Amino acid sequence: MNFLAIDTSASYLTIAAQKGDAEYLSCQRDCMAQHSVLLMDEIARALSALGMTAAECDFFAVVVGPGSFTGIRIGIATVKGLALAAEKPTLAVTSFDTLAYDEGSEALLPLVDAGHGAYYACPYDGGSAQSPAYMAEADVLALVGRGYTPVSSQPVGIKTVLKDPARGLLAAVRKKQGEVVPARELEALYLRKSSAEEKR
């Protein structure tokens, strides 16, 4: 299996790629405003490290959210362009998947900071995702009280188990590889309106 996966949904830029049994992982922290500047060079670096061309990828994967509205759009547009040019399918991975699928069957609560004391959250039971939601801190803490372990890729307002974004992206793509779709069907996962829309 050969693939290239990217995550531009957060302040970091993550690349995970695989060619046969070889894998490549990269995570650049704190580059929120530079995703569009850094992304293509990072993709080229990943492909070069594996001696792989875009045409050799079986599919292209991208984190479709939730997270940064701008970052998500950059990632999806890039993967659609690569997939259409190479005539290959795409795979949608959520931010929650990258936090849940490198774990066992325990009850997990992947969290993404939504700002203003709120969170994007999605309970996972035995590796199966439940309904994602935009939650207040009190609702998150209620789920933690029911036995869910909160996990995140970077510090948030409450104590969580921190996960490696690159390793999580790789695990999520491997888990969901059978769910590829044509590039035209790739869509963002938004759980609320953007700040600009909310201010209108």
C-alpha atoms as a PDB file:
ATOM      1  CA  MET A   1       0.000   0.000   0.000  1.00  0.00           C
ATOM      2  CA  ASN A   2       1.320   3.420  -1.015  1.00  0.00           C
ATOM      3  CA  PHE A   3      -0.198   6.678   0.205  1.00  0.00           C
ATOM      4  CA  LEU A   4       0.431  10.285   1.177  1.00  0.00           C
ATOM      5  CA  ALA A   5      -1.535  11.873   4.025  1.00  0.00           C
ATOM      6  CA  ILE A   6      -1.540  15.459   5.291  1.00  0.00           C
ATOM      7  CA  ASP A   7      -2.977  17.321   8.260  1.00  0.00           C
ATOM      8  CA  THR A   8      -3.217  21.112   8.114  1.00  0.00           C
ATOM      9  CA  SER A   9      -6.196  21.386  10.485  1.00  0.00           C
ATOM     10  CA  ALA A  10      -4.217  22.632  13.501  1.00  0.00           C
ATOM     11  CA  SER A  11      -1.239  24.847  14.334  1.00  0.00           C
ATOM     12  CA  TYR A  12       1.098  22.037  13.272  1.00  0.00           C
ATOM     13  CA  LEU A  13       1.721  20.615   9.792  1.00  0.00           C
ATOM     14  CA  THR A  14       1.794  16.831   9.691  1.00  0.00           C
ATOM     15  CA  ILE A  15       2.763  14.503   6.864  1.00  0.00           C
ATOM     16  CA  ALA A  16       2.492  10.707   6.895  1.00  0.00           C
ATOM     17  CA  ALA A  17       3.454   8.624   3.883  1.00  0.00           C
ATOM     18  CA  GLN A  18       3.966   4.972   3.150  1.00  0.00           C
ATOM     19  CA  LYS A  19       5.504   3.019   0.301  1.00  0.00           C
ATOM     20  CA  GLY A  20       5.274  -0.719   0.785  1.00  0.00           C
ATOM     21  CA  ASP A  21       6.773  -1.440   4.204  1.00  0.00           C
ATOM     22  CA  ALA A  22       8.595   1.899   4.445  1.00  0.00           C
ATOM     23  CA  GLU A  23       7.023   4.888   6.187  1.00  0.00           C
ATOM     24  CA  TYR A  24       7.735   8.595   6.557  1.00  0.00           C
ATOM     25  CA  LEU A  25       6.476  10.817   9.380  1.00  0.00           C
ATOM     26  CA  SER A  26       6.917  14.551   9.896  1.00  0.00           C
ATOM     27  CA  CYS A  27       5.324  17.095  12.215  1.00  0.00           C
ATOM     28  CA  GLN A  28       6.217  20.795  12.208  1.00  0.00           C
ATOM     29  CA  ARG A  29       4.820  22.623  15.225  1.00  0.00           C
ATOM     30  CA  ASP A  30       3.580  26.202  15.410  1.00  0.00           C
ATOM     31  CA  CYS A  31       3.183  26.962  11.695  1.00  0.00           C
ATOM     32  CA  MET A  32      -0.496  27.961  11.600  1.00  0.00           C
ATOM     33  CA  ALA A  33      -0.042  30.934   9.277  1.00  0.00           C
ATOM     34  CA  GLN A  34       2.413  29.124   6.996  1.00  0.00           C
ATOM     35  CA  HIS A  35       0.603  25.965   5.917  1.00  0.00           C
ATOM     36  CA  SER A  36       0.160  27.196   2.358  1.00  0.00           C
ATOM     37  CA  VAL A  37       3.823  28.242   2.191  1.00  0.00           C
ATOM     38  CA  LEU A  38       5.342  25.065   3.629  1.00  0.00           C
ATOM     39  CA  LEU A  39       2.996  22.328   2.443  1.00  0.00           C
ATOM     40  CA  MET A  40       4.200  21.581  -1.090  1.00  0.00           C
ATOM     41  CA  ASP A  41       7.863  21.494  -0.031  1.00  0.00           C
ATOM     42  CA  GLU A  42       6.976  19.102   2.798  1.00  0.00           C
ATOM     43  CA  ILE A  43       5.054  16.864   0.414  1.00  0.00           C
ATOM     44  CA  ALA A  44       8.000  16.819  -1.979  1.00  0.00           C
ATOM     45  CA  ARG A  45      10.334  15.969   0.912  1.00  0.00           C
ATOM     46  CA  ALA A  46       8.125  13.058   2.010  1.00  0.00           C
ATOM     47  CA  LEU A  47       7.846  11.581  -1.471  1.00  0.00           C
ATOM     48  CA  SER A  48      11.586  11.971  -2.050  1.00  0.00           C
ATOM     49  CA  ALA A  49      12.439  10.292   1.253  1.00  0.00           C
ATOM     50  CA  LEU A  50      10.481   7.202   0.172  1.00  0.00           C
ATOM     51  CA  GLY A  51      11.612   7.302  -3.452  1.00  0.00           C
ATOM     52  CA  MET A  52       7.977   7.588  -4.467  1.00  0.00           C
ATOM     53  CA  THR A  53       6.120   9.758  -6.970  1.00  0.00           C
ATOM     54  CA  ALA A  54       2.592  11.070  -6.593  1.00  0.00           C
ATOM     55  CA  ALA A  55       1.545   8.778  -9.427  1.00  0.00           C
ATOM     56  CA  GLU A  56       2.662   5.765  -7.380  1.00  0.00           C
ATOM     57  CA  CYS A  57       0.298   6.592  -4.502  1.00  0.00           C
ATOM     58  CA  ASP A  58      -2.760   4.357  -4.294  1.00  0.00           C
ATOM     59  CA  PHE A  59      -4.667   7.235  -2.679  1.00  0.00           C
ATOM     60  CA  PHE A  60      -4.211  10.598  -0.959  1.00  0.00           C
ATOM     61  CA  ALA A  61      -5.538  11.255   2.546  1.00  0.00           C
ATOM     62  CA  VAL A  62      -6.312  14.469   4.391  1.00  0.00           C
ATOM     63  CA  VAL A  63      -7.676  15.524   7.768  1.00  0.00           C
ATOM     64  CA  VAL A  64     -11.019  17.167   6.958  1.00  0.00           C
ATOM     65  CA  GLY A  65     -11.667  18.633  10.411  1.00  0.00           C
ATOM     66  CA  PRO A  66     -12.678  19.827  12.796  1.00  0.00           C
ATOM     67  CA  GLY A  67     -10.064  22.485  13.380  1.00  0.00           C
ATOM     68  CA  SER A  68      -8.811  25.610  11.662  1.00  0.00           C
ATOM     69  CA  PHE A  69     -11.234  26.591   8.888  1.00  0.00           C
ATOM     70  CA  THR A  70      -8.450  27.979   6.709  1.00  0.00           C
ATOM     71  CA  GLY A  71      -6.120  25.060   7.384  1.00  0.00           C
ATOM     72  CA  ILE A  72      -8.803  22.514   6.515  1.00  0.00           C
ATOM     73  CA  ARG A  73      -9.539  24.239   3.204  1.00  0.00           C
ATOM     74  CA  ILE A  74      -5.821  24.314   2.327  1.00  0.00           C
ATOM     75  CA  GLY A  75      -5.436  20.595   3.026  1.00  0.00           C
ATOM     76  CA  ILE A  76      -8.527  19.519   1.116  1.00  0.00           C
ATOM     77  CA  ALA A  77      -7.714  21.689  -1.911  1.00  0.00           C
ATOM     78  CA  THR A  78      -4.165  20.306  -2.033  1.00  0.00           C
ATOM     79  CA  VAL A  79      -5.232  16.673  -1.804  1.00  0.00           C
ATOM     80  CA  LYS A  80      -7.975  17.153  -4.382  1.00  0.00           C
ATOM     81  CA  GLY A  81      -5.429  18.665  -6.761  1.00  0.00           C
ATOM     82  CA  LEU A  82      -2.975  15.798  -6.267  1.00  0.00           C
ATOM     83  CA  ALA A  83      -5.685  13.167  -6.625  1.00  0.00           C
ATOM     84  CA  LEU A  84      -7.212  14.662  -9.749  1.00  0.00           C
ATOM     85  CA  ALA A  85      -3.817  15.084 -11.398  1.00  0.00           C
ATOM     86  CA  ALA A  86      -2.816  11.486 -10.608  1.00  0.00           C
ATOM     87  CA  GLU A  87      -6.348  10.116 -11.196  1.00  0.00           C
ATOM     88  CA  LYS A  88      -6.390   8.506  -7.743  1.00  0.00           C
ATOM     89  CA  PRO A  89      -9.024   8.374  -4.974  1.00  0.00           C
ATOM     90  CA  THR A  90      -8.964  10.269  -1.679  1.00  0.00           C
ATOM     91  CA  LEU A  91      -9.494   9.372   1.959  1.00  0.00           C
ATOM     92  CA  ALA A  92     -11.102  11.636   4.564  1.00  0.00           C
ATOM     93  CA  VAL A  93      -9.713  11.341   8.091  1.00  0.00           C
ATOM     94  CA  THR A  94     -11.029  13.377  11.015  1.00  0.00           C
ATOM     95  CA  SER A  95      -9.001  15.102  13.689  1.00  0.00           C
ATOM     96  CA  PHE A  96     -10.658  12.698  16.115  1.00  0.00           C
ATOM     97  CA  ASP A  97      -9.500   9.643  14.155  1.00  0.00           C
ATOM     98  CA  THR A  98      -5.877  10.737  14.469  1.00  0.00           C
ATOM     99  CA  LEU A  99      -6.263  10.749  18.249  1.00  0.00           C
ATOM    100  CA  ALA A 100      -8.226   7.509  18.631  1.00  0.00           C
ATOM    101  CA  TYR A 101      -6.886   4.934  16.207  1.00  0.00           C
ATOM    102  CA  ASP A 102      -3.417   4.479  17.675  1.00  0.00           C
ATOM    103  CA  GLU A 103      -5.032   3.166  20.845  1.00  0.00           C
ATOM    104  CA  GLY A 104      -6.734  -0.045  21.924  1.00  0.00           C
ATOM    105  CA  SER A 105     -10.407  -0.541  22.676  1.00  0.00           C
ATOM    106  CA  GLU A 106     -10.715   1.721  25.709  1.00  0.00           C
ATOM    107  CA  ALA A 107     -13.274   4.523  25.891  1.00  0.00           C
ATOM    108  CA  LEU A 108     -11.532   7.596  24.476  1.00  0.00           C
ATOM    109  CA  LEU A 109     -12.608  11.206  24.118  1.00  0.00           C
ATOM    110  CA  PRO A 110     -10.565  12.988  21.429  1.00  0.00           C
ATOM    111  CA  LEU A 111     -10.649  16.752  21.942  1.00  0.00           C
ATOM    112  CA  VAL A 112      -9.810  19.690  19.694  1.00  0.00           C
ATOM    113  CA  ASP A 113      -9.694  23.178  21.205  1.00  0.00           C
ATOM    114  CA  ALA A 114     -12.497  25.254  19.668  1.00  0.00           C
ATOM    115  CA  GLY A 115     -11.596  28.418  21.569  1.00  0.00           C
ATOM    116  CA  HIS A 116     -13.519  30.400  24.185  1.00  0.00           C
ATOM    117  CA  GLY A 117     -13.549  27.460  26.589  1.00  0.00           C
ATOM    118  CA  ALA A 118     -15.306  25.142  24.148  1.00  0.00           C
ATOM    119  CA  TYR A 119     -14.205  21.950  22.407  1.00  0.00           C
ATOM    120  CA  TYR A 120     -14.832  19.767  19.415  1.00  0.00           C
ATOM    121  CA  ALA A 121     -15.281  16.289  20.874  1.00  0.00           C
ATOM    122  CA  CYS A 122     -16.145  12.785  19.727  1.00  0.00           C
ATOM    123  CA  PRO A 123     -16.408   9.756  22.037  1.00  0.00           C
ATOM    124  CA  TYR A 124     -14.928   6.472  20.782  1.00  0.00           C
ATOM    125  CA  ASP A 125     -16.056   3.151  22.235  1.00  0.00           C
ATOM    126  CA  GLY A 126     -14.044   0.087  21.288  1.00  0.00           C
ATOM    127  CA  GLY A 127     -12.570   1.951  18.322  1.00  0.00           C
ATOM    128  CA  SER A 128     -15.979   3.053  16.981  1.00  0.00           C
ATOM    129  CA  ALA A 129     -16.717   6.767  16.706  1.00  0.00           C
ATOM    130  CA  GLN A 130     -19.904   8.169  18.185  1.00  0.00           C
ATOM    131  CA  SER A 131     -21.488  11.495  17.202  1.00  0.00           C
ATOM    132  CA  PRO A 132     -19.035  14.425  17.082  1.00  0.00           C
ATOM    133  CA  ALA A 133     -20.148  17.675  18.680  1.00  0.00           C
ATOM    134  CA  TYR A 134     -19.211  21.215  19.667  1.00  0.00           C
ATOM    135  CA  MET A 135     -19.209  21.084  23.479  1.00  0.00           C
ATOM    136  CA  ALA A 136     -18.869  23.344  26.472  1.00  0.00           C
ATOM    137  CA  GLU A 137     -16.251  22.352  29.045  1.00  0.00           C
ATOM    138  CA  ALA A 138     -18.947  21.140  31.458  1.00  0.00           C
ATOM    139  CA  ASP A 139     -20.223  18.648  28.877  1.00  0.00           C
ATOM    140  CA  VAL A 140     -16.696  17.388  28.213  1.00  0.00           C
ATOM    141  CA  LEU A 141     -16.067  16.920  31.933  1.00  0.00           C
ATOM    142  CA  ALA A 142     -19.347  15.031  32.240  1.00  0.00           C
ATOM    143  CA  LEU A 143     -18.132  12.506  29.656  1.00  0.00           C
ATOM    144  CA  VAL A 144     -14.801  12.232  31.456  1.00  0.00           C
ATOM    145  CA  GLY A 145     -16.760  11.505  34.607  1.00  0.00           C
ATOM    146  CA  ARG A 146     -18.469   8.631  32.794  1.00  0.00           C
ATOM    147  CA  GLY A 147     -15.106   6.972  32.161  1.00  0.00           C
ATOM    148  CA  TYR A 148     -13.862   8.473  28.884  1.00  0.00           C
ATOM    149  CA  THR A 149     -10.146   9.276  28.716  1.00  0.00           C
ATOM    150  CA  PRO A 150      -9.609  12.728  27.148  1.00  0.00           C
ATOM    151  CA  VAL A 151      -6.865  12.787  24.486  1.00  0.00           C
ATOM    152  CA  SER A 152      -5.493  15.631  22.366  1.00  0.00           C
ATOM    153  CA  SER A 153      -2.556  16.446  20.117  1.00  0.00           C
ATOM    154  CA  GLN A 154      -1.629  19.622  21.959  1.00  0.00           C
ATOM    155  CA  PRO A 155      -2.450  21.177  25.365  1.00  0.00           C
ATOM    156  CA  VAL A 156      -6.049  22.328  25.782  1.00  0.00           C
ATOM    157  CA  GLY A 157      -7.951  23.847  28.685  1.00  0.00           C
ATOM    158  CA  ILE A 158      -8.309  20.582  30.614  1.00  0.00           C
ATOM    159  CA  LYS A 159      -5.827  17.818  31.375  1.00  0.00           C
ATOM    160  CA  THR A 160      -5.530  15.292  28.545  1.00  0.00           C
ATOM    161  CA  VAL A 161      -3.263  12.485  27.395  1.00  0.00           C
ATOM    162  CA  LEU A 162      -1.120  14.016  24.624  1.00  0.00           C
ATOM    163  CA  LYS A 163      -0.735  12.069  21.384  1.00  0.00           C
ATOM    164  CA  ASP A 164       1.797  12.234  18.540  1.00  0.00           C
ATOM    165  CA  PRO A 165      -0.024  13.844  15.570  1.00  0.00           C
ATOM    166  CA  ALA A 166       2.124  12.133  12.920  1.00  0.00           C
ATOM    167  CA  ARG A 167       1.862   8.651  14.426  1.00  0.00           C
ATOM    168  CA  GLY A 168      -1.868   9.176  14.918  1.00  0.00           C
ATOM    169  CA  LEU A 169      -2.355  10.273  11.300  1.00  0.00           C
ATOM    170  CA  LEU A 170      -0.560   7.170  10.056  1.00  0.00           C
ATOM    171  CA  ALA A 171      -2.656   4.889  12.278  1.00  0.00           C
ATOM    172  CA  ALA A 172      -5.911   6.545  11.210  1.00  0.00           C
ATOM    173  CA  VAL A 173      -5.142   6.201   7.496  1.00  0.00           C
ATOM    174  CA  ARG A 174      -4.245   2.539   7.900  1.00  0.00           C
ATOM    175  CA  LYS A 175      -7.461   1.941   9.854  1.00  0.00           C
ATOM    176  CA  LYS A 176      -9.710   3.683   7.300  1.00  0.00           C
ATOM    177  CA  GLN A 177      -7.931   2.778   4.061  1.00  0.00           C
ATOM    178  CA  GLY A 178     -10.981   0.920   2.763  1.00  0.00           C
ATOM    179  CA  GLU A 179     -13.102   4.092   2.793  1.00  0.00           C
ATOM    180  CA  VAL A 180     -11.589   5.922  -0.184  1.00  0.00           C
ATOM    181  CA  VAL A 181     -13.825   8.110  -2.357  1.00  0.00           C
ATOM    182  CA  PRO A 182     -13.399  10.092  -5.590  1.00  0.00           C
ATOM    183  CA  ALA A 183     -11.769  13.497  -5.080  1.00  0.00           C
ATOM    184  CA  ARG A 184     -15.012  15.317  -5.931  1.00  0.00           C
ATOM    185  CA  GLU A 185     -16.702  13.729  -2.876  1.00  0.00           C
ATOM    186  CA  LEU A 186     -14.130  14.961  -0.361  1.00  0.00           C
ATOM    187  CA  GLU A 187     -15.792  17.378   2.072  1.00  0.00           C
ATOM    188  CA  ALA A 188     -14.828  19.305   5.187  1.00  0.00           C
ATOM    189  CA  LEU A 189     -16.186  18.410   8.625  1.00  0.00           C
ATOM    190  CA  TYR A 190     -17.375  21.631  10.242  1.00  0.00           C
ATOM    191  CA  LEU A 191     -19.155  21.417  13.614  1.00  0.00           C
ATOM    192  CA  ARG A 192     -19.916  25.133  13.836  1.00  0.00           C
ATOM    193  CA  LYS A 193     -19.794  28.266  11.709  1.00  0.00           C
ATOM    194  CA  SER A 194     -16.512  30.116  11.232  1.00  0.00           C
ATOM    195  CA  SER A 195     -15.826  33.207  13.360  1.00  0.00           C
ATOM    196  CA  ALA A 196     -16.452  35.424  10.341  1.00  0.00           C
ATOM    197  CA  GLU A 197     -19.839  33.822   9.714  1.00  0.00           C
ATOM    198  CA  GLU A 198     -20.832  34.082  13.368  1.00  0.00           C
ATOM    199  CA  LYS A 199     -20.054  37.817  13.382  1.00  0.00           C
ATOM    200  CA  ARG A 200     -22.300  38.585  10.398  1.00  0.00           C
END
